[in-house]
Amino acid sequence: MGIKNKMQRNMNVLYLLWGEDVSHNNGIFLSQVYTQLYAIHNCFPQINILCVAGIPILKKRILLNWRNYSKKLKKLKMFFCQKNITLVIRNLPILSRFNSSKQYFHYYSLFQKSFIKHLIKKNNIDIVHCRSYHSTYLALKTREKYSLDVKVVFDARGILPEEGVVKQNYTTDSADYSFWKDIEKYLLNYSDKIIVCPSLLKTILRR
C-alpha cells in the first residue's frame, strides 16, 4: 500500500529511540523529541504517534535509584499521554556504550527484533522514524527478518563513526572505525528516507 493510499486513513508512526537514557536527559528529550512530535501531531492530527525508547539500565545511577528512575519515566509517560502521544519504555539490560567498539554494537539489538515487530503489527505502523544509528539498524533488521511492509526513516542526528574518534574510543585506522562506517553505509543504502540538518553533515554523508 502506497503512502498516498495510507493518507486516506490515519497514518501510524513509530518514533524509535534506542540506547539513549531519556530519564537522565529530560531537558534534551523534551526539547528535541517531544517538541517535534507535538508539533507534528498539531499540524497533522490524522497521524497517530507511538514513541518507543530503549534505555540501557546497567548504570549505577539507575540501579541504585530504581524507584526514582521509575517515577521519572511514569511522569514522562503521563506528560506525553496528556498530548495524545503514547510513550513506551523498553529497559535494556546492557551498559550504555552508544558508539564504542564493534563487539558491543549488536548488544543493542540482541533479542529486540520480535519486540519491535510486535509493536509494528499491533499498532499497524506505516513509518518507523528512527533517531540515530542504533534505532535505524534495529528497524531495518526487524523489517528484513519479518518481511514487514513499513517505511524506515534514518534521522542521522550526528555522525557516530567520527564522534567515536573525537571521544577517543578508537582511531580512524582501527577496525572499530571501519565497522562503524560499514554500518553507516548500510543505513544510508537501505533506509527509505534520510534526514540530515547541517550542510556539513550532508557533505560527510555523501562521501
Protein backbone atom coordinates (compact mmCIF):
# COMPACT_ATOMS: atom_id res chain seq x y z
CA MET A 1 0.00 0.00 0.00
CA GLY A 2 1.46 3.38 -1.01
CA ILE A 3 1.76 6.46 1.17
CA LYS A 4 -0.98 8.22 -0.81
CA ASN A 5 -3.45 5.44 -0.06
CA LYS A 6 -2.37 5.33 3.59
CA MET A 7 -3.11 9.03 3.96
CA GLN A 8 -6.76 8.27 3.19
CA ARG A 9 -6.85 6.82 6.69
CA ASN A 10 -4.99 7.77 9.84
CA MET A 11 -1.25 7.22 9.45
CA ASN A 12 0.57 5.45 12.25
CA VAL A 13 4.16 6.44 13.03
CA LEU A 14 6.56 4.76 15.41
CA TYR A 15 9.25 7.17 16.63
CA LEU A 16 12.13 4.98 17.79
CA LEU A 17 14.94 5.96 20.17
CA TRP A 18 17.38 3.24 21.09
CA GLY A 19 20.26 3.44 23.53
CA GLU A 20 19.59 6.91 24.95
CA ASP A 21 18.80 7.47 28.62
CA VAL A 22 15.72 9.69 28.39
CA SER A 23 15.26 9.54 32.16
CA HIS A 24 18.56 11.36 32.67
CA ASN A 25 18.42 13.87 29.82
CA ASN A 26 14.83 15.01 30.31
CA GLY A 27 15.54 18.51 29.02
CA ILE A 28 17.13 17.31 25.77
CA PHE A 29 14.48 14.63 25.35
CA LEU A 30 11.63 17.09 25.79
CA SER A 31 13.15 19.80 23.59
CA GLN A 32 14.38 17.57 20.77
CA VAL A 33 11.83 14.76 20.77
CA TYR A 34 8.63 15.83 22.47
CA THR A 35 8.54 19.29 20.86
CA GLN A 36 8.96 17.74 17.42
CA LEU A 37 6.31 15.07 17.94
CA TYR A 38 3.83 17.51 19.47
CA ALA A 39 4.28 19.90 16.53
CA ILE A 40 3.67 17.05 14.07
CA HIS A 41 0.58 15.95 15.97
CA ASN A 42 -0.80 19.51 15.99
CA CYS A 43 -0.19 20.08 12.29
CA PHE A 44 -1.33 16.62 11.20
CA PRO A 45 -3.94 15.30 13.66
CA GLN A 46 -4.55 12.32 11.36
CA ILE A 47 -1.10 11.00 12.32
CA ASN A 48 -1.00 8.71 15.35
CA ILE A 49 2.39 8.71 17.09
CA LEU A 50 3.87 5.93 19.20
CA CYS A 51 7.19 6.90 20.81
CA VAL A 52 9.38 3.95 21.87
CA ALA A 53 12.57 4.40 23.91
CA GLY A 54 15.07 1.63 24.62
CA ILE A 55 17.09 2.59 27.71
CA PRO A 56 20.32 0.87 28.82
CA ILE A 57 19.77 0.29 32.54
CA LEU A 58 23.12 -1.17 33.67
CA LYS A 59 24.16 2.08 35.28
CA LYS A 60 24.88 2.66 38.94
CA ARG A 61 22.72 5.80 38.89
CA ILE A 62 19.71 3.79 37.71
CA LEU A 63 20.20 0.52 39.58
CA LEU A 64 20.81 2.19 42.95
CA ASN A 65 17.88 4.56 42.50
CA TRP A 66 15.38 2.37 40.69
CA ARG A 67 12.37 3.91 42.41
CA ASN A 68 13.41 7.41 41.35
CA TYR A 69 14.10 6.15 37.82
CA SER A 70 10.64 4.59 37.63
CA LYS A 71 8.97 7.77 38.92
CA LYS A 72 10.70 9.89 36.28
CA LEU A 73 9.54 7.58 33.50
CA LYS A 74 5.99 7.50 34.86
CA LYS A 75 5.88 11.30 34.80
CA LEU A 76 7.20 11.34 31.24
CA LYS A 77 4.55 8.85 30.12
CA MET A 78 1.78 10.90 31.73
CA PHE A 79 3.14 14.10 30.15
CA PHE A 80 3.12 12.52 26.69
CA CYS A 81 -0.30 10.98 27.26
CA GLN A 82 -1.79 14.41 28.01
CA LYS A 83 -0.79 15.42 24.47
CA ASN A 84 -2.22 12.23 22.92
CA ILE A 85 1.20 10.69 22.32
CA THR A 86 1.94 7.22 23.66
CA LEU A 87 5.38 6.64 25.20
CA VAL A 88 6.62 3.06 25.58
CA ILE A 89 9.77 2.32 27.59
CA ARG A 90 11.92 -0.75 26.96
CA ASN A 91 14.54 -1.45 29.64
CA LEU A 92 17.70 -2.85 28.03
CA PRO A 93 19.94 -4.98 30.28
CA ILE A 94 23.12 -3.56 28.77
CA LEU A 95 25.76 -0.94 29.53
CA SER A 96 25.48 2.48 27.93
CA ARG A 97 28.21 2.48 25.27
CA PHE A 98 26.49 4.30 22.44
CA ASN A 99 29.38 4.48 19.96
CA SER A 100 32.05 2.23 21.33
CA SER A 101 33.56 -0.97 19.90
CA LYS A 102 32.06 -3.20 17.24
CA GLN A 103 31.97 -6.08 19.75
CA TYR A 104 29.39 -4.20 21.80
CA PHE A 105 27.27 -2.79 18.96
CA HIS A 106 24.99 -5.80 18.46
CA TYR A 107 24.03 -5.99 22.13
CA TYR A 108 21.75 -3.02 21.47
CA SER A 109 19.54 -5.05 19.12
CA LEU A 110 20.03 -8.52 20.63
CA PHE A 111 16.64 -10.21 21.24
CA GLN A 112 14.80 -6.94 20.43
CA LYS A 113 13.54 -7.55 16.87
CA SER A 114 10.49 -9.56 17.92
CA PHE A 115 9.52 -6.77 20.33
CA ILE A 116 9.70 -4.14 17.57
CA LYS A 117 7.83 -6.43 15.17
CA HIS A 118 5.07 -6.87 17.74
CA LEU A 119 4.68 -3.10 18.13
CA ILE A 120 4.62 -2.55 14.37
CA LYS A 121 1.95 -5.18 13.79
CA LYS A 122 -0.15 -4.37 16.87
CA ASN A 123 -0.27 -0.66 16.05
CA ASN A 124 -0.49 -1.07 12.28
CA ILE A 125 2.62 1.09 11.85
CA ASP A 126 3.27 2.69 8.45
CA ILE A 127 6.52 4.53 9.16
CA VAL A 128 9.32 3.98 11.67
CA HIS A 129 11.13 7.26 12.27
CA CYS A 130 14.50 6.32 13.77
CA ARG A 131 16.61 8.65 15.88
CA SER A 132 20.30 7.98 15.11
CA TYR A 133 22.16 4.79 14.18
CA HIS A 134 21.13 2.09 16.68
CA SER A 135 17.39 2.60 16.23
CA THR A 136 17.70 2.65 12.42
CA TYR A 137 19.75 -0.54 12.39
CA LEU A 138 17.21 -2.26 14.64
CA ALA A 139 14.28 -1.12 12.49
CA LEU A 140 15.92 -2.20 9.23
CA LYS A 141 16.92 -5.60 10.58
CA THR A 142 13.42 -6.14 12.01
CA ARG A 143 11.81 -5.27 8.67
CA GLU A 144 14.23 -7.58 6.88
CA LYS A 145 13.76 -10.51 9.24
CA TYR A 146 9.95 -10.40 9.29
CA SER A 147 9.33 -9.01 5.76
CA LEU A 148 7.31 -6.10 7.14
CA ASP A 149 5.57 -3.56 4.91
CA VAL A 150 6.87 -0.48 6.70
CA LYS A 151 8.97 2.53 5.70
CA VAL A 152 12.12 3.34 7.68
CA VAL A 153 13.39 6.91 8.11
CA PHE A 154 17.01 7.42 9.21
CA ASP A 155 17.25 10.64 11.25
CA ALA A 156 21.06 10.79 11.49
CA ARG A 157 21.33 13.42 14.27
CA GLY A 158 25.13 13.23 14.10
CA ILE A 159 27.97 11.19 12.64
CA LEU A 160 28.65 8.41 15.14
CA PRO A 161 31.81 6.98 13.49
CA GLU A 162 33.53 10.35 13.71
CA GLU A 163 32.11 11.07 17.16
CA GLY A 164 33.76 7.89 18.40
CA VAL A 165 37.11 9.17 17.12
CA VAL A 166 36.62 12.55 18.80
CA LYS A 167 35.80 10.79 22.09
CA GLN A 168 38.94 8.67 21.61
CA ASN A 169 37.01 5.40 21.62
CA TYR A 170 39.02 4.36 18.55
CA THR A 171 41.08 5.83 15.72
CA THR A 172 40.32 6.28 12.02
CA ASP A 173 42.68 3.42 11.10
CA SER A 174 41.06 0.96 13.53
CA ALA A 175 38.74 -1.98 12.87
CA ASP A 176 36.08 -0.32 15.04
CA TYR A 177 36.01 2.79 12.86
CA SER A 178 35.75 0.68 9.68
CA PHE A 179 32.93 -1.28 11.27
CA TRP A 180 31.00 1.91 12.08
CA LYS A 181 31.47 3.21 8.54
CA ASP A 182 30.08 -0.10 7.19
CA ILE A 183 27.07 0.25 9.49
CA GLU A 184 26.60 3.82 8.32
CA LYS A 185 26.73 2.71 4.67
CA TYR A 186 24.12 0.02 5.35
CA LEU A 187 21.78 2.55 6.97
CA LEU A 188 22.20 5.02 4.11
CA ASN A 189 21.64 2.37 1.44
CA TYR A 190 18.55 0.69 2.90
CA SER A 191 16.62 3.44 4.67
CA ASP A 192 13.69 4.79 2.65
CA LYS A 193 14.36 8.39 3.69
CA ILE A 194 17.33 10.11 5.31
CA ILE A 195 17.08 13.26 7.43
CA VAL A 196 20.14 15.45 7.98
CA CYS A 197 20.22 19.09 9.06
CA PRO A 198 23.55 20.92 8.76
CA SER A 199 25.12 21.22 5.31
CA LEU A 200 28.39 19.87 6.72
CA LEU A 201 26.66 16.69 7.79
CA LYS A 202 25.22 16.27 4.30
CA THR A 203 28.68 16.65 2.79
CA ILE A 204 30.21 13.98 5.03
CA LEU A 205 27.38 11.50 4.50
CA ARG A 206 27.76 11.86 0.71
CA ARG A 207 31.39 10.67 0.82
